[in-house]
Amino acid sequence: MPTHLDAPFRIIIWTVDELAAFLLPFILLFFMMNAPIVAVVVGVAMVIGLRKLKGEEGHYFLAHLAYWYLPPLIRYRVTPPSHIRFLLG
């Protein structure tokens, strides 16, 4: 039973987007350039930067920014496209 209903899904201590922000530079630097210490430092710095970017806004803040300001990456069936600002009138 989750403590809070709106709590994000976590893998060990990180949310999915924080884990991706750690793993992407870690895999690139560790396996491509054989630099394990630099890979860990850059990965942790990316996670800290992502947490500061999200701030107090919540874990869906970046998804909402992407919906409003980027081209449509995901098409929703119910939600209208973000470029339609006025639905009636």
PDB file of N, CA and C in Angstrom:
ATOM      1  N   MET A   1       0.846  -1.170   0.000  1.00  0.00           N
ATOM      2  CA  MET A   1       0.000   0.000   0.000  1.00  0.00           C
ATOM      3  C   MET A   1       0.895   1.238   0.000  1.00  0.00           C
ATOM      4  N   PRO A   2       0.768   2.091  -1.008  1.00  0.00           N
ATOM      5  CA  PRO A   2       1.589   3.300  -1.020  1.00  0.00           C
ATOM      6  C   PRO A   2       1.176   4.265   0.084  1.00  0.00           C
ATOM      7  N   THR A   3       2.146   4.988   0.598  1.00  0.00           N
ATOM      8  CA  THR A   3       1.862   5.965   1.647  1.00  0.00           C
ATOM      9  C   THR A   3       1.040   7.124   1.097  1.00  0.00           C
ATOM     10  N   HIS A   4       1.410   7.588  -0.077  1.00  0.00           N
ATOM     11  CA  HIS A   4       0.689   8.676  -0.735  1.00  0.00           C
ATOM     12  C   HIS A   4       0.247   8.187  -2.114  1.00  0.00           C
ATOM     13  N   LEU A   5      -0.942   8.553  -2.509  1.00  0.00           N
ATOM     14  CA  LEU A   5      -1.452   8.080  -3.790  1.00  0.00           C
ATOM     15  C   LEU A   5      -0.740   8.703  -4.975  1.00  0.00           C
ATOM     16  N   ASP A   6      -0.235   9.918  -4.820  1.00  0.00           N
ATOM     17  CA  ASP A   6       0.436  10.570  -5.934  1.00  0.00           C
ATOM     18  C   ASP A   6       1.954  10.445  -5.865  1.00  0.00           C
ATOM     19  N   ALA A   7       2.463   9.533  -5.066  1.00  0.00           N
ATOM     20  CA  ALA A   7       3.908   9.324  -4.965  1.00  0.00           C
ATOM     21  C   ALA A   7       4.415   8.700  -6.266  1.00  0.00           C
ATOM     22  N   PRO A   8       5.536   9.191  -6.795  1.00  0.00           N
ATOM     23  CA  PRO A   8       6.052   8.641  -8.057  1.00  0.00           C
ATOM     24  C   PRO A   8       6.623   7.243  -7.854  1.00  0.00           C
ATOM     25  N   PHE A   9       6.653   6.478  -8.932  1.00  0.00           N
ATOM     26  CA  PHE A   9       7.244   5.145  -8.900  1.00  0.00           C
ATOM     27  C   PHE A   9       8.751   5.279  -8.709  1.00  0.00           C
ATOM     28  N   ARG A  10       9.309   4.540  -7.778  1.00  0.00           N
ATOM     29  CA  ARG A  10      10.737   4.629  -7.472  1.00  0.00           C
ATOM     30  C   ARG A  10      11.411   3.287  -7.699  1.00  0.00           C
ATOM     31  N   ILE A  11      12.637   3.364  -8.188  1.00  0.00           N
ATOM     32  CA  ILE A  11      13.507   2.207  -8.293  1.00  0.00           C
ATOM     33  C   ILE A  11      14.641   2.470  -7.309  1.00  0.00           C
ATOM     34  N   ILE A  12      14.650   1.742  -6.244  1.00  0.00           N
ATOM     35  CA  ILE A  12      15.526   1.900  -5.080  1.00  0.00           C
ATOM     36  C   ILE A  12      15.304   3.298  -4.482  1.00  0.00           C
ATOM     37  N   ILE A  13      16.125   4.305  -4.814  1.00  0.00           N
ATOM     38  CA  ILE A  13      15.948   5.639  -4.219  1.00  0.00           C
ATOM     39  C   ILE A  13      15.601   6.699  -5.253  1.00  0.00           C
ATOM     40  N   TRP A  14      15.654   6.350  -6.530  1.00  0.00           N
ATOM     41  CA  TRP A  14      15.454   7.336  -7.587  1.00  0.00           C
ATOM     42  C   TRP A  14      14.153   7.091  -8.341  1.00  0.00           C
ATOM     43  N   THR A  15      13.557   8.183  -8.826  1.00  0.00           N
ATOM     44  CA  THR A  15      12.411   8.038  -9.723  1.00  0.00           C
ATOM     45  C   THR A  15      12.934   7.598 -11.091  1.00  0.00           C
ATOM     46  N   VAL A  16      12.040   7.278 -11.982  1.00  0.00           N
ATOM     47  CA  VAL A  16      12.439   6.750 -13.285  1.00  0.00           C
ATOM     48  C   VAL A  16      13.236   7.785 -14.083  1.00  0.00           C
ATOM     49  N   ASP A  17      12.833   9.056 -14.058  1.00  0.00           N
ATOM     50  CA  ASP A  17      13.565  10.061 -14.812  1.00  0.00           C
ATOM     51  C   ASP A  17      14.933  10.348 -14.202  1.00  0.00           C
ATOM     52  N   GLU A  18      15.060  10.262 -12.882  1.00  0.00           N
ATOM     53  CA  GLU A  18      16.365  10.443 -12.254  1.00  0.00           C
ATOM     54  C   GLU A  18      17.286   9.271 -12.570  1.00  0.00           C
ATOM     55  N   LEU A  19      16.733   8.064 -12.608  1.00  0.00           N
ATOM     56  CA  LEU A  19      17.532   6.898 -12.963  1.00  0.00           C
ATOM     57  C   LEU A  19      18.023   6.996 -14.399  1.00  0.00           C
ATOM     58  N   ALA A  20      17.163   7.473 -15.297  1.00  0.00           N
ATOM     59  CA  ALA A  20      17.578   7.657 -16.692  1.00  0.00           C
ATOM     60  C   ALA A  20      18.641   8.739 -16.811  1.00  0.00           C
ATOM     61  N   ALA A  21      18.515   9.814 -16.011  1.00  0.00           N
ATOM     62  CA  ALA A  21      19.517  10.879 -16.036  1.00  0.00           C
ATOM     63  C   ALA A  21      20.854  10.388 -15.494  1.00  0.00           C
ATOM     64  N   PHE A  22      20.856   9.400 -14.633  1.00  0.00           N
ATOM     65  CA  PHE A  22      22.107   8.832 -14.144  1.00  0.00           C
ATOM     66  C   PHE A  22      22.678   7.817 -15.126  1.00  0.00           C
ATOM     67  N   LEU A  23      21.826   6.937 -15.638  1.00  0.00           N
ATOM     68  CA  LEU A  23      22.318   5.829 -16.457  1.00  0.00           C
ATOM     69  C   LEU A  23      22.834   6.255 -17.831  1.00  0.00           C
ATOM     70  N   LEU A  24      22.215   7.236 -18.446  1.00  0.00           N
ATOM     71  CA  LEU A  24      22.643   7.634 -19.792  1.00  0.00           C
ATOM     72  C   LEU A  24      24.098   8.115 -19.821  1.00  0.00           C
ATOM     73  N   PRO A  25      24.495   9.108 -19.022  1.00  0.00           N
ATOM     74  CA  PRO A  25      25.911   9.491 -19.053  1.00  0.00           C
ATOM     75  C   PRO A  25      26.814   8.418 -18.457  1.00  0.00           C
ATOM     76  N   PHE A  26      26.301   7.651 -17.485  1.00  0.00           N
ATOM     77  CA  PHE A  26      27.120   6.609 -16.877  1.00  0.00           C
ATOM     78  C   PHE A  26      27.495   5.547 -17.898  1.00  0.00           C
ATOM     79  N   ILE A  27      26.523   5.075 -18.658  1.00  0.00           N
ATOM     80  CA  ILE A  27      26.796   4.036 -19.666  1.00  0.00           C
ATOM     81  C   ILE A  27      27.711   4.571 -20.758  1.00  0.00           C
ATOM     82  N   LEU A  28      27.433   5.799 -21.215  1.00  0.00           N
ATOM     83  CA  LEU A  28      28.276   6.361 -22.268  1.00  0.00           C
ATOM     84  C   LEU A  28      29.725   6.534 -21.822  1.00  0.00           C
ATOM     85  N   LEU A  29      29.926   7.094 -20.654  1.00  0.00           N
ATOM     86  CA  LEU A  29      31.288   7.345 -20.190  1.00  0.00           C
ATOM     87  C   LEU A  29      31.986   6.072 -19.710  1.00  0.00           C
ATOM     88  N   PHE A  30      31.267   5.179 -19.086  1.00  0.00           N
ATOM     89  CA  PHE A  30      31.888   3.985 -18.536  1.00  0.00           C
ATOM     90  C   PHE A  30      32.296   3.011 -19.632  1.00  0.00           C
ATOM     91  N   PHE A  31      31.395   2.739 -20.548  1.00  0.00           N
ATOM     92  CA  PHE A  31      31.685   1.727 -21.550  1.00  0.00           C
ATOM     93  C   PHE A  31      32.385   2.275 -22.792  1.00  0.00           C
ATOM     94  N   MET A  32      32.078   3.492 -23.172  1.00  0.00           N
ATOM     95  CA  MET A  32      32.688   4.045 -24.383  1.00  0.00           C
ATOM     96  C   MET A  32      34.083   4.610 -24.124  1.00  0.00           C
ATOM     97  N   MET A  33      34.261   5.285 -22.982  1.00  0.00           N
ATOM     98  CA  MET A  33      35.530   5.959 -22.734  1.00  0.00           C
ATOM     99  C   MET A  33      36.332   5.324 -21.606  1.00  0.00           C
ATOM    100  N   ASN A  34      35.772   4.296 -20.959  1.00  0.00           N
ATOM    101  CA  ASN A  34      36.457   3.575 -19.890  1.00  0.00           C
ATOM    102  C   ASN A  34      36.886   4.526 -18.772  1.00  0.00           C
ATOM    103  N   ALA A  35      35.952   5.336 -18.318  1.00  0.00           N
ATOM    104  CA  ALA A  35      36.215   6.298 -17.246  1.00  0.00           C
ATOM    105  C   ALA A  35      35.163   6.110 -16.149  1.00  0.00           C
ATOM    106  N   PRO A  36      35.337   5.122 -15.257  1.00  0.00           N
ATOM    107  CA  PRO A  36      34.283   4.823 -14.278  1.00  0.00           C
ATOM    108  C   PRO A  36      34.077   5.917 -13.238  1.00  0.00           C
ATOM    109  N   ILE A  37      35.130   6.534 -12.756  1.00  0.00           N
ATOM    110  CA  ILE A  37      34.976   7.561 -11.723  1.00  0.00           C
ATOM    111  C   ILE A  37      34.301   8.800 -12.296  1.00  0.00           C
ATOM    112  N   VAL A  38      34.711   9.198 -13.472  1.00  0.00           N
ATOM    113  CA  VAL A  38      34.091  10.351 -14.136  1.00  0.00           C
ATOM    114  C   VAL A  38      32.632  10.047 -14.460  1.00  0.00           C
ATOM    115  N   ALA A  39      32.350   8.795 -14.833  1.00  0.00           N
ATOM    116  CA  ALA A  39      30.976   8.403 -15.154  1.00  0.00           C
ATOM    117  C   ALA A  39      30.065   8.536 -13.939  1.00  0.00           C
ATOM    118  N   VAL A  40      30.534   8.120 -12.770  1.00  0.00           N
ATOM    119  CA  VAL A  40      29.725   8.226 -11.558  1.00  0.00           C
ATOM    120  C   VAL A  40      29.530   9.690 -11.180  1.00  0.00           C
ATOM    121  N   VAL A  41      30.586  10.492 -11.268  1.00  0.00           N
ATOM    122  CA  VAL A  41      30.495  11.909 -10.898  1.00  0.00           C
ATOM    123  C   VAL A  41      29.532  12.645 -11.821  1.00  0.00           C
ATOM    124  N   VAL A  42      29.641  12.414 -13.122  1.00  0.00           N
ATOM    125  CA  VAL A  42      28.750  13.080 -14.077  1.00  0.00           C
ATOM    126  C   VAL A  42      27.308  12.599 -13.895  1.00  0.00           C
ATOM    127  N   GLY A  43      27.111  11.309 -13.643  1.00  0.00           N
ATOM    128  CA  GLY A  43      25.766  10.780 -13.425  1.00  0.00           C
ATOM    129  C   GLY A  43      25.111  11.372 -12.192  1.00  0.00           C
ATOM    130  N   VAL A  44      25.847  11.463 -11.095  1.00  0.00           N
ATOM    131  CA  VAL A  44      25.303  12.051  -9.871  1.00  0.00           C
ATOM    132  C   VAL A  44      25.036  13.543 -10.071  1.00  0.00           C
ATOM    133  N   ALA A  45      25.910  14.229 -10.797  1.00  0.00           N
ATOM    134  CA  ALA A  45      25.685  15.650 -11.084  1.00  0.00           C
ATOM    135  C   ALA A  45      24.421  15.840 -11.925  1.00  0.00           C
ATOM    136  N   MET A  46      24.172  14.948 -12.863  1.00  0.00           N
ATOM    137  CA  MET A  46      22.951  15.040 -13.671  1.00  0.00           C
ATOM    138  C   MET A  46      21.706  14.835 -12.801  1.00  0.00           C
ATOM    139  N   VAL A  47      21.760  13.907 -11.862  1.00  0.00           N
ATOM    140  CA  VAL A  47      20.615  13.663 -10.976  1.00  0.00           C
ATOM    141  C   VAL A  47      20.372  14.875 -10.082  1.00  0.00           C
ATOM    142  N   ILE A  48      21.439  15.439  -9.528  1.00  0.00           N
ATOM    143  CA  ILE A  48      21.290  16.627  -8.679  1.00  0.00           C
ATOM    144  C   ILE A  48      20.735  17.793  -9.490  1.00  0.00           C
ATOM    145  N   GLY A  49      21.224  17.975 -10.722  1.00  0.00           N
ATOM    146  CA  GLY A  49      20.703  19.034 -11.584  1.00  0.00           C
ATOM    147  C   GLY A  49      19.240  18.830 -11.932  1.00  0.00           C
ATOM    148  N   LEU A  50      18.851  17.586 -12.185  1.00  0.00           N
ATOM    149  CA  LEU A  50      17.449  17.292 -12.490  1.00  0.00           C
ATOM    150  C   LEU A  50      16.562  17.561 -11.287  1.00  0.00           C
ATOM    151  N   ARG A  51      17.032  17.198 -10.094  1.00  0.00           N
ATOM    152  CA  ARG A  51      16.243  17.470  -8.888  1.00  0.00           C
ATOM    153  C   ARG A  51      16.088  18.963  -8.651  1.00  0.00           C
ATOM    154  N   LYS A  52      17.128  19.745  -8.916  1.00  0.00           N
ATOM    155  CA  LYS A  52      17.023  21.198  -8.768  1.00  0.00           C
ATOM    156  C   LYS A  52      16.097  21.785  -9.826  1.00  0.00           C
ATOM    157  N   LEU A  53      16.123  21.218 -11.038  1.00  0.00           N
ATOM    158  CA  LEU A  53      15.245  21.700 -12.105  1.00  0.00           C
ATOM    159  C   LEU A  53      13.782  21.410 -11.776  1.00  0.00           C
ATOM    160  N   LYS A  54      13.514  20.231 -11.243  1.00  0.00           N
ATOM    161  CA  LYS A  54      12.146  19.896 -10.855  1.00  0.00           C
ATOM    162  C   LYS A  54      11.711  20.699  -9.642  1.00  0.00           C
ATOM    163  N   GLY A  55      12.607  20.877  -8.689  1.00  0.00           N
ATOM    164  CA  GLY A  55      12.345  21.700  -7.514  1.00  0.00           C
ATOM    165  C   GLY A  55      11.107  21.289  -6.761  1.00  0.00           C
ATOM    166  N   GLU A  56      10.351  22.268  -6.369  1.00  0.00           N
ATOM    167  CA  GLU A  56       9.136  22.029  -5.600  1.00  0.00           C
ATOM    168  C   GLU A  56       7.927  21.773  -6.484  1.00  0.00           C
ATOM    169  N   GLU A  57       8.114  21.818  -7.777  1.00  0.00           N
ATOM    170  CA  GLU A  57       6.985  21.702  -8.706  1.00  0.00           C
ATOM    171  C   GLU A  57       6.415  20.286  -8.779  1.00  0.00           C
ATOM    172  N   GLY A  58       7.189  19.285  -8.459  1.00  0.00           N
ATOM    173  CA  GLY A  58       6.686  17.921  -8.503  1.00  0.00           C
ATOM    174  C   GLY A  58       7.342  17.119  -9.601  1.00  0.00           C
ATOM    175  N   HIS A  59       7.032  15.838  -9.613  1.00  0.00           N
ATOM    176  CA  HIS A  59       7.703  14.942 -10.537  1.00  0.00           C
ATOM    177  C   HIS A  59       7.135  14.977 -11.952  1.00  0.00           C
ATOM    178  N   TYR A  60       5.995  15.596 -12.176  1.00  0.00           N
ATOM    179  CA  TYR A  60       5.449  15.705 -13.527  1.00  0.00           C
ATOM    180  C   TYR A  60       5.707  17.070 -14.153  1.00  0.00           C
ATOM    181  N   PHE A  61       6.486  17.905 -13.499  1.00  0.00           N
ATOM    182  CA  PHE A  61       6.752  19.253 -13.977  1.00  0.00           C
ATOM    183  C   PHE A  61       7.408  19.248 -15.356  1.00  0.00           C
ATOM    184  N   LEU A  62       8.402  18.406 -15.559  1.00  0.00           N
ATOM    185  CA  LEU A  62       9.091  18.362 -16.852  1.00  0.00           C
ATOM    186  C   LEU A  62       8.191  17.796 -17.953  1.00  0.00           C
ATOM    187  N   ALA A  63       7.337  16.849 -17.610  1.00  0.00           N
ATOM    188  CA  ALA A  63       6.397  16.324 -18.600  1.00  0.00           C
ATOM    189  C   ALA A  63       5.405  17.402 -19.026  1.00  0.00           C
ATOM    190  N   HIS A  64       4.979  18.241 -18.090  1.00  0.00           N
ATOM    191  CA  HIS A  64       4.057  19.325 -18.429  1.00  0.00           C
ATOM    192  C   HIS A  64       4.751  20.380 -19.280  1.00  0.00           C
ATOM    193  N   LEU A  65       6.013  20.695 -18.967  1.00  0.00           N
ATOM    194  CA  LEU A  65       6.768  21.628 -19.806  1.00  0.00           C
ATOM    195  C   LEU A  65       6.933  21.093 -21.220  1.00  0.00           C
ATOM    196  N   ALA A  66       7.227  19.816 -21.342  1.00  0.00           N
ATOM    197  CA  ALA A  66       7.385  19.210 -22.665  1.00  0.00           C
ATOM    198  C   ALA A  66       6.075  19.258 -23.447  1.00  0.00           C
ATOM    199  N   TYR A  67       4.945  19.057 -22.769  1.00  0.00           N
ATOM    200  CA  TYR A  67       3.645  19.114 -23.448  1.00  0.00           C
ATOM    201  C   TYR A  67       3.369  20.510 -23.994  1.00  0.00           C
ATOM    202  N   TRP A  68       3.665  21.547 -23.221  1.00  0.00           N
ATOM    203  CA  TRP A  68       3.301  22.892 -23.631  1.00  0.00           C
ATOM    204  C   TRP A  68       4.288  23.519 -24.615  1.00  0.00           C
ATOM    205  N   TYR A  69       5.566  23.210 -24.517  1.00  0.00           N
ATOM    206  CA  TYR A  69       6.547  23.971 -25.276  1.00  0.00           C
ATOM    207  C   TYR A  69       7.293  23.186 -26.344  1.00  0.00           C
ATOM    208  N   LEU A  70       7.190  21.878 -26.381  1.00  0.00           N
ATOM    209  CA  LEU A  70       7.866  21.094 -27.410  1.00  0.00           C
ATOM    210  C   LEU A  70       6.857  20.623 -28.457  1.00  0.00           C
ATOM    211  N   PRO A  71       7.329  20.221 -29.621  1.00  0.00           N
ATOM    212  CA  PRO A  71       6.397  19.637 -30.594  1.00  0.00           C
ATOM    213  C   PRO A  71       5.759  18.378 -30.010  1.00  0.00           C
ATOM    214  N   PRO A  72       4.613  17.983 -30.530  1.00  0.00           N
ATOM    215  CA  PRO A  72       3.908  16.836 -29.933  1.00  0.00           C
ATOM    216  C   PRO A  72       4.714  15.541 -30.075  1.00  0.00           C
ATOM    217  N   LEU A  73       5.289  15.091 -28.976  1.00  0.00           N
ATOM    218  CA  LEU A  73       6.047  13.849 -28.968  1.00  0.00           C
ATOM    219  C   LEU A  73       5.135  12.651 -28.745  1.00  0.00           C
ATOM    220  N   ILE A  74       4.109  12.852 -27.927  1.00  0.00           N
ATOM    221  CA  ILE A  74       3.148  11.800 -27.620  1.00  0.00           C
ATOM    222  C   ILE A  74       1.763  12.334 -27.950  1.00  0.00           C
ATOM    223  N   ARG A  75       1.004  11.571 -28.673  1.00  0.00           N
ATOM    224  CA  ARG A  75      -0.366  11.967 -29.010  1.00  0.00           C
ATOM    225  C   ARG A  75      -1.322  11.379 -27.972  1.00  0.00           C
ATOM    226  N   TYR A  76      -2.084  12.261 -27.334  1.00  0.00           N
ATOM    227  CA  TYR A  76      -3.070  11.832 -26.355  1.00  0.00           C
ATOM    228  C   TYR A  76      -4.427  11.730 -27.028  1.00  0.00           C
ATOM    229  N   ARG A  77      -5.210  10.744 -26.608  1.00  0.00           N
ATOM    230  CA  ARG A  77      -6.539  10.583 -27.204  1.00  0.00           C
ATOM    231  C   ARG A  77      -7.532  11.589 -26.655  1.00  0.00           C
ATOM    232  N   VAL A  78      -7.446  11.918 -25.386  1.00  0.00           N
ATOM    233  CA  VAL A  78      -8.435  12.770 -24.743  1.00  0.00           C
ATOM    234  C   VAL A  78      -7.971  14.225 -24.691  1.00  0.00           C
ATOM    235  N   THR A  79      -6.711  14.456 -24.413  1.00  0.00           N
ATOM    236  CA  THR A  79      -6.189  15.808 -24.256  1.00  0.00           C
ATOM    237  C   THR A  79      -5.958  16.439 -25.627  1.00  0.00           C
ATOM    238  N   PRO A  80      -6.419  17.667 -25.827  1.00  0.00           N
ATOM    239  CA  PRO A  80      -6.193  18.317 -27.115  1.00  0.00           C
ATOM    240  C   PRO A  80      -4.720  18.700 -27.283  1.00  0.00           C
ATOM    241  N   PRO A  81      -4.281  18.932 -28.522  1.00  0.00           N
ATOM    242  CA  PRO A  81      -2.902  19.369 -28.735  1.00  0.00           C
ATOM    243  C   PRO A  81      -2.644  20.700 -28.030  1.00  0.00           C
ATOM    244  N   SER A  82      -1.400  20.939 -27.662  1.00  0.00           N
ATOM    245  CA  SER A  82      -1.089  22.118 -26.857  1.00  0.00           C
ATOM    246  C   SER A  82      -1.163  23.415 -27.652  1.00  0.00           C
ATOM    247  N   HIS A  83      -1.107  23.353 -28.976  1.00  0.00           N
ATOM    248  CA  HIS A  83      -1.174  24.598 -29.745  1.00  0.00           C
ATOM    249  C   HIS A  83      -2.603  25.138 -29.846  1.00  0.00           C
ATOM    250  N   ILE A  84      -3.607  24.342 -29.497  1.00  0.00           N
ATOM    251  CA  ILE A  84      -4.998  24.816 -29.472  1.00  0.00           C
ATOM    252  C   ILE A  84      -5.225  25.413 -28.085  1.00  0.00           C
ATOM    253  N   ARG A  85      -5.178  26.747 -27.991  1.00  0.00           N
ATOM    254  CA  ARG A  85      -5.261  27.418 -26.687  1.00  0.00           C
ATOM    255  C   ARG A  85      -6.690  27.717 -26.261  1.00  0.00           C
ATOM    256  N   PHE A  86      -7.570  27.971 -27.213  1.00  0.00           N
ATOM    257  CA  PHE A  86      -8.956  28.300 -26.897  1.00  0.00           C
ATOM    258  C   PHE A  86      -9.846  27.257 -27.542  1.00  0.00           C
ATOM    259  N   LEU A  87     -10.644  26.541 -26.741  1.00  0.00           N
ATOM    260  CA  LEU A  87     -11.465  25.473 -27.281  1.00  0.00           C
ATOM    261  C   LEU A  87     -12.856  25.967 -27.689  1.00  0.00           C
ATOM    262  N   LEU A  88     -13.414  26.896 -26.968  1.00  0.00           N
ATOM    263  CA  LEU A  88     -14.731  27.418 -27.299  1.00  0.00           C
ATOM    264  C   LEU A  88     -14.654  28.928 -27.412  1.00  0.00           C
ATOM    265  N   GLY A  89     -15.347  29.467 -28.381  1.00  0.00           N
ATOM    266  CA  GLY A  89     -15.460  30.909 -28.468  1.00  0.00           C
ATOM    267  C   GLY A  89     -14.417  31.516 -29.250  1.00  0.00           C
TER     268      GLY A  89
END
